[in-house]
Protein backbone atom coordinates (compact mmCIF):
# COMPACT_ATOMS: atom_id res chain seq x y z
CA MET A 1 -3.27 -8.78 -8.40
CA ARG A 2 -3.57 -11.93 -10.52
CA VAL A 3 -6.88 -13.76 -10.02
CA ILE A 4 -7.79 -17.07 -11.64
CA ASN A 5 -11.53 -17.64 -11.81
CA VAL A 6 -12.75 -21.23 -11.67
CA ASN A 7 -16.26 -20.57 -12.93
CA GLY A 8 -19.08 -22.25 -11.10
CA VAL A 9 -21.33 -24.65 -13.01
CA PHE A 10 -25.10 -24.46 -12.45
CA TYR A 11 -25.51 -23.90 -8.69
CA ASP A 12 -21.82 -24.41 -7.92
CA SER A 13 -20.09 -21.25 -6.75
CA ASN A 14 -17.08 -19.60 -8.32
CA ALA A 15 -13.72 -20.26 -6.71
CA TYR A 16 -11.05 -17.60 -7.12
CA LEU A 17 -7.35 -18.33 -6.83
CA ILE A 18 -5.32 -15.29 -5.76
CA ASP A 19 -1.81 -15.83 -7.06
CA ALA A 20 0.04 -14.22 -4.16
CA LYS A 21 3.07 -15.30 -2.15
CA ARG A 22 0.60 -17.12 0.05
CA LYS A 23 -1.57 -18.91 -2.52
CA THR A 24 -5.18 -18.35 -1.51
CA LEU A 25 -8.53 -19.65 -2.70
CA VAL A 26 -11.62 -17.52 -2.14
CA ASP A 27 -14.51 -19.98 -1.81
CA ALA A 28 -14.27 -23.59 -2.89
CA GLY A 29 -17.51 -24.58 -4.56
CA ILE A 30 -18.91 -28.10 -4.65
CA ASP A 31 -16.70 -29.93 -7.14
CA ALA A 32 -13.23 -30.30 -5.64
CA ALA A 33 -11.79 -32.09 -8.69
CA ARG A 34 -12.81 -29.25 -10.99
CA VAL A 35 -11.25 -26.67 -8.70
CA MET A 36 -8.02 -28.55 -8.07
CA ALA A 37 -7.54 -29.13 -11.80
CA ASN A 38 -7.16 -25.36 -12.10
CA LEU A 39 -4.82 -24.86 -9.16
CA PRO A 40 -1.04 -24.62 -9.39
CA ARG A 41 1.05 -26.71 -7.07
CA GLY A 42 0.64 -25.61 -3.51
CA LEU A 43 -2.24 -23.88 -1.76
CA ASP A 44 -1.82 -22.13 1.57
CA LEU A 45 -5.22 -20.78 2.50
CA ILE A 46 -8.94 -21.03 1.72
CA VAL A 47 -11.03 -18.01 2.69
CA LEU A 48 -14.78 -18.61 2.64
CA THR A 49 -17.18 -15.74 2.09
CA HIS A 50 -19.92 -17.61 3.96
CA GLY A 51 -20.94 -21.09 5.05
CA HIS A 52 -23.46 -22.25 2.44
CA TYR A 53 -22.92 -25.69 0.94
CA ASP A 54 -22.41 -24.47 -2.65
CA HIS A 55 -19.38 -22.47 -1.48
CA VAL A 56 -17.82 -24.87 1.04
CA ALA A 57 -18.58 -28.48 0.07
CA ALA A 58 -15.24 -29.00 -1.69
CA VAL A 59 -13.22 -27.75 1.29
CA PRO A 60 -12.51 -31.11 3.01
CA GLU A 61 -11.17 -32.71 -0.17
CA ILE A 62 -9.06 -29.69 -1.08
CA VAL A 63 -7.63 -29.51 2.44
CA GLU A 64 -6.79 -33.22 2.36
CA ALA A 65 -4.93 -32.74 -0.93
CA THR A 66 -3.12 -29.49 -0.11
CA GLY A 67 -2.98 -29.02 3.64
CA ALA A 68 -4.37 -25.50 3.24
CA GLN A 69 -5.75 -23.67 6.26
CA VAL A 70 -9.36 -22.50 6.30
CA ALA A 71 -10.61 -19.04 7.31
CA MET A 72 -14.26 -17.99 7.71
CA HIS A 73 -16.27 -15.51 9.76
CA GLU A 74 -16.97 -16.93 13.19
CA ALA A 75 -20.72 -16.27 12.89
CA ASP A 76 -21.10 -18.86 10.11
CA VAL A 77 -19.11 -21.68 11.71
CA ALA A 78 -22.21 -23.18 13.33
CA MET A 79 -23.96 -23.69 9.98
CA LEU A 80 -21.27 -26.17 8.92
CA LYS A 81 -22.83 -28.62 11.39
CA SER A 82 -26.36 -28.39 9.99
CA ASP A 83 -27.42 -29.81 6.63
CA ARG A 84 -30.57 -27.67 6.77
CA ILE A 85 -29.07 -24.32 7.77
CA GLY A 86 -25.96 -24.80 5.67
CA GLY A 87 -27.99 -25.74 2.61
CA ALA A 88 -26.65 -29.25 1.97
CA ALA A 89 -30.17 -30.66 2.27
CA MET A 90 -31.27 -28.51 -0.70
CA PHE A 91 -28.81 -30.49 -2.85
CA GLY A 92 -29.83 -33.84 -1.36
CA ARG A 93 -26.41 -34.07 0.30
CA ARG A 94 -24.89 -34.34 3.75
CA SER A 95 -22.21 -31.95 4.91
CA ARG A 96 -18.86 -33.53 5.75
CA GLY A 97 -17.95 -30.64 7.99
CA PHE A 98 -14.42 -29.37 8.49
CA ARG A 99 -12.29 -27.36 10.87
CA VAL A 100 -12.07 -23.58 10.57
CA ASP A 101 -8.48 -22.76 11.48
CA ILE A 102 -8.85 -18.97 11.40
CA PRO A 103 -12.15 -17.50 12.64
CA LEU A 104 -12.57 -14.03 11.12
CA ARG A 105 -14.25 -10.81 12.14
CA GLY A 106 -14.95 -7.61 10.26
CA GLY A 107 -11.94 -5.33 10.17
CA ALA A 108 -9.42 -8.17 10.22
CA VAL A 109 -6.64 -8.28 7.65
CA VAL A 110 -5.72 -11.48 5.81
CA ASP A 111 -2.02 -11.21 4.98
CA LEU A 112 -1.05 -13.07 1.80
CA GLY A 113 2.56 -11.87 1.91
CA ASP A 114 2.44 -9.38 -0.95
CA ILE A 115 -1.31 -8.72 -0.77
CA LYS A 116 -3.41 -7.70 2.21
CA LEU A 117 -7.14 -8.34 2.15
CA GLU A 118 -9.46 -6.40 4.42
CA VAL A 119 -12.31 -8.47 5.83
CA VAL A 120 -15.54 -6.51 5.41
CA ALA A 121 -18.38 -7.90 7.48
CA THR A 122 -21.47 -7.94 5.24
CA PRO A 123 -24.20 -9.87 7.07
CA GLY A 124 -27.49 -10.30 5.31
CA HIS A 125 -27.18 -13.30 3.02
CA THR A 126 -25.97 -15.17 6.11
CA PRO A 127 -25.02 -13.83 9.56
CA GLY A 128 -21.32 -14.30 8.83
CA SER A 129 -21.12 -13.24 5.19
CA ILE A 130 -17.97 -11.30 4.36
CA CYS A 131 -16.42 -9.47 1.43
CA LEU A 132 -12.68 -9.17 0.89
CA TYR A 133 -11.13 -5.89 -0.30
CA ASP A 134 -7.67 -5.29 -1.73
CA GLN A 135 -6.97 -1.58 -1.48
CA ALA A 136 -3.98 -1.69 -3.83
CA SER A 137 -5.93 -3.11 -6.79
CA ARG A 138 -9.37 -1.92 -5.60
CA ALA A 139 -10.71 -5.46 -6.09
CA LEU A 140 -13.66 -6.65 -4.03
CA PHE A 141 -14.61 -10.31 -3.59
CA THR A 142 -18.32 -10.18 -2.80
CA GLY A 143 -19.45 -13.76 -2.26
CA ASP A 144 -23.24 -13.83 -2.43
CA THR A 145 -23.70 -10.24 -1.24
CA VAL A 146 -23.41 -8.51 -4.65
CA PHE A 147 -23.60 -9.86 -8.21
CA ALA A 148 -23.28 -8.36 -11.67
CA GLY A 149 -26.17 -6.38 -13.10
CA GLY A 150 -27.26 -4.79 -9.84
CA SER A 151 -28.26 -8.10 -8.25
CA PHE A 152 -27.80 -8.97 -4.58
CA GLY A 153 -28.00 -12.02 -2.36
CA ARG A 154 -31.17 -13.69 -1.16
CA THR A 155 -32.00 -13.47 2.53
CA ASP A 156 -34.40 -16.38 3.00
CA LEU A 157 -31.75 -18.94 3.97
CA GLY A 158 -30.97 -17.72 7.45
CA GLY A 159 -30.29 -14.14 6.40
CA SER A 160 -31.76 -10.71 7.08
CA SER A 161 -33.05 -8.10 4.63
CA GLU A 162 -32.30 -5.31 7.09
CA HIS A 163 -28.72 -6.46 7.57
CA LEU A 164 -28.18 -6.95 3.84
CA LEU A 165 -29.32 -3.43 3.06
CA SER A 166 -26.97 -2.05 5.70
CA SER A 167 -24.12 -4.14 4.25
CA LEU A 168 -24.76 -2.82 0.75
CA GLU A 169 -24.67 0.71 2.12
CA THR A 170 -21.30 -0.07 3.71
CA LEU A 171 -19.89 -1.40 0.44
CA GLY A 172 -20.99 1.76 -1.32
CA HIS A 173 -18.23 3.64 0.50
CA TYR A 174 -15.48 1.51 -1.07
CA ASP A 175 -13.55 2.59 -4.15
CA VAL A 176 -13.72 -0.47 -6.40
CA SER A 177 -12.46 -1.27 -9.87
CA ALA A 178 -13.46 -4.95 -10.02
CA LEU A 179 -16.06 -7.18 -8.37
CA TYR A 180 -15.57 -10.93 -7.99
CA PRO A 181 -18.99 -12.39 -7.05
CA GLY A 182 -19.78 -15.88 -5.85
CA HIS A 183 -21.81 -16.67 -8.97
CA GLY A 184 -21.71 -15.32 -12.51
CA GLU A 185 -19.00 -13.34 -14.23
CA PRO A 186 -16.61 -10.87 -12.58
CA VAL A 187 -17.32 -7.20 -13.15
CA THR A 188 -14.23 -5.39 -14.42
CA VAL A 189 -15.98 -2.44 -16.11
CA GLY A 190 -18.39 -0.28 -14.15
CA ALA A 191 -17.80 -2.05 -10.82
CA LYS A 192 -18.70 0.99 -8.73
CA GLU A 193 -21.88 1.47 -10.73
CA ALA A 194 -22.79 -2.19 -10.14
CA LEU A 195 -22.47 -1.64 -6.38
CA CYS A 196 -24.67 1.45 -6.55
CA ASP A 197 -27.25 -0.40 -8.67
CA SER A 198 -27.37 -3.27 -6.18
CA LEU A 199 -28.03 -0.86 -3.33
CA ALA A 200 -30.74 0.98 -5.28
CA ASN A 201 -32.43 -2.29 -6.22
CA ALA A 202 -32.26 -3.60 -2.66
CA ARG A 203 -33.87 -0.43 -1.31
CA HIS A 204 -36.70 -0.88 -3.80
CA MET A 205 -37.20 -4.63 -3.47
CA LEU A 206 -36.47 -5.49 0.17
CA PHE A 207 -38.73 -2.96 1.86
């Protein structure tokens, strides 16, 4: 699987282009111009790992430019209507809002033509946080659930420590070779160990 990482700047999230038959962007970040400058012609789908402003703010502009559909877990759709819950207020911004064309649930499969992504429900950072798993390449897009270095997502912005710990336990059952987190660098060496470290740290720090 070919993945192009548009690295986030400061608080901006990463945006990952999956170069499949159905061109797909995982998360969109804040700066639409920066993301679109790194996209090839044509974009079919944007899959959002959760509804926080730093991951979704660029969506309306990207959709206007490309006509891409938007998919996100149904539990996070409501936060797109609230500047406080969605986090736009933390950046001194207002959310433009947008339509979610494909509401997702855990266990769903996002078909990209030659790649199939399993939707793994990982509530904790937000109620509708998801990860995306490609069994063929063993790649896991983790949003703000897991980061490099054994880090994990915060739970004080509408999340739940109990749910996050349970989600990290769920991810521990997956065979992974690469992690693509919402912030920071991808983990392509020791990805499984990074998952285990995140779980161990969460057990120590959250309770």
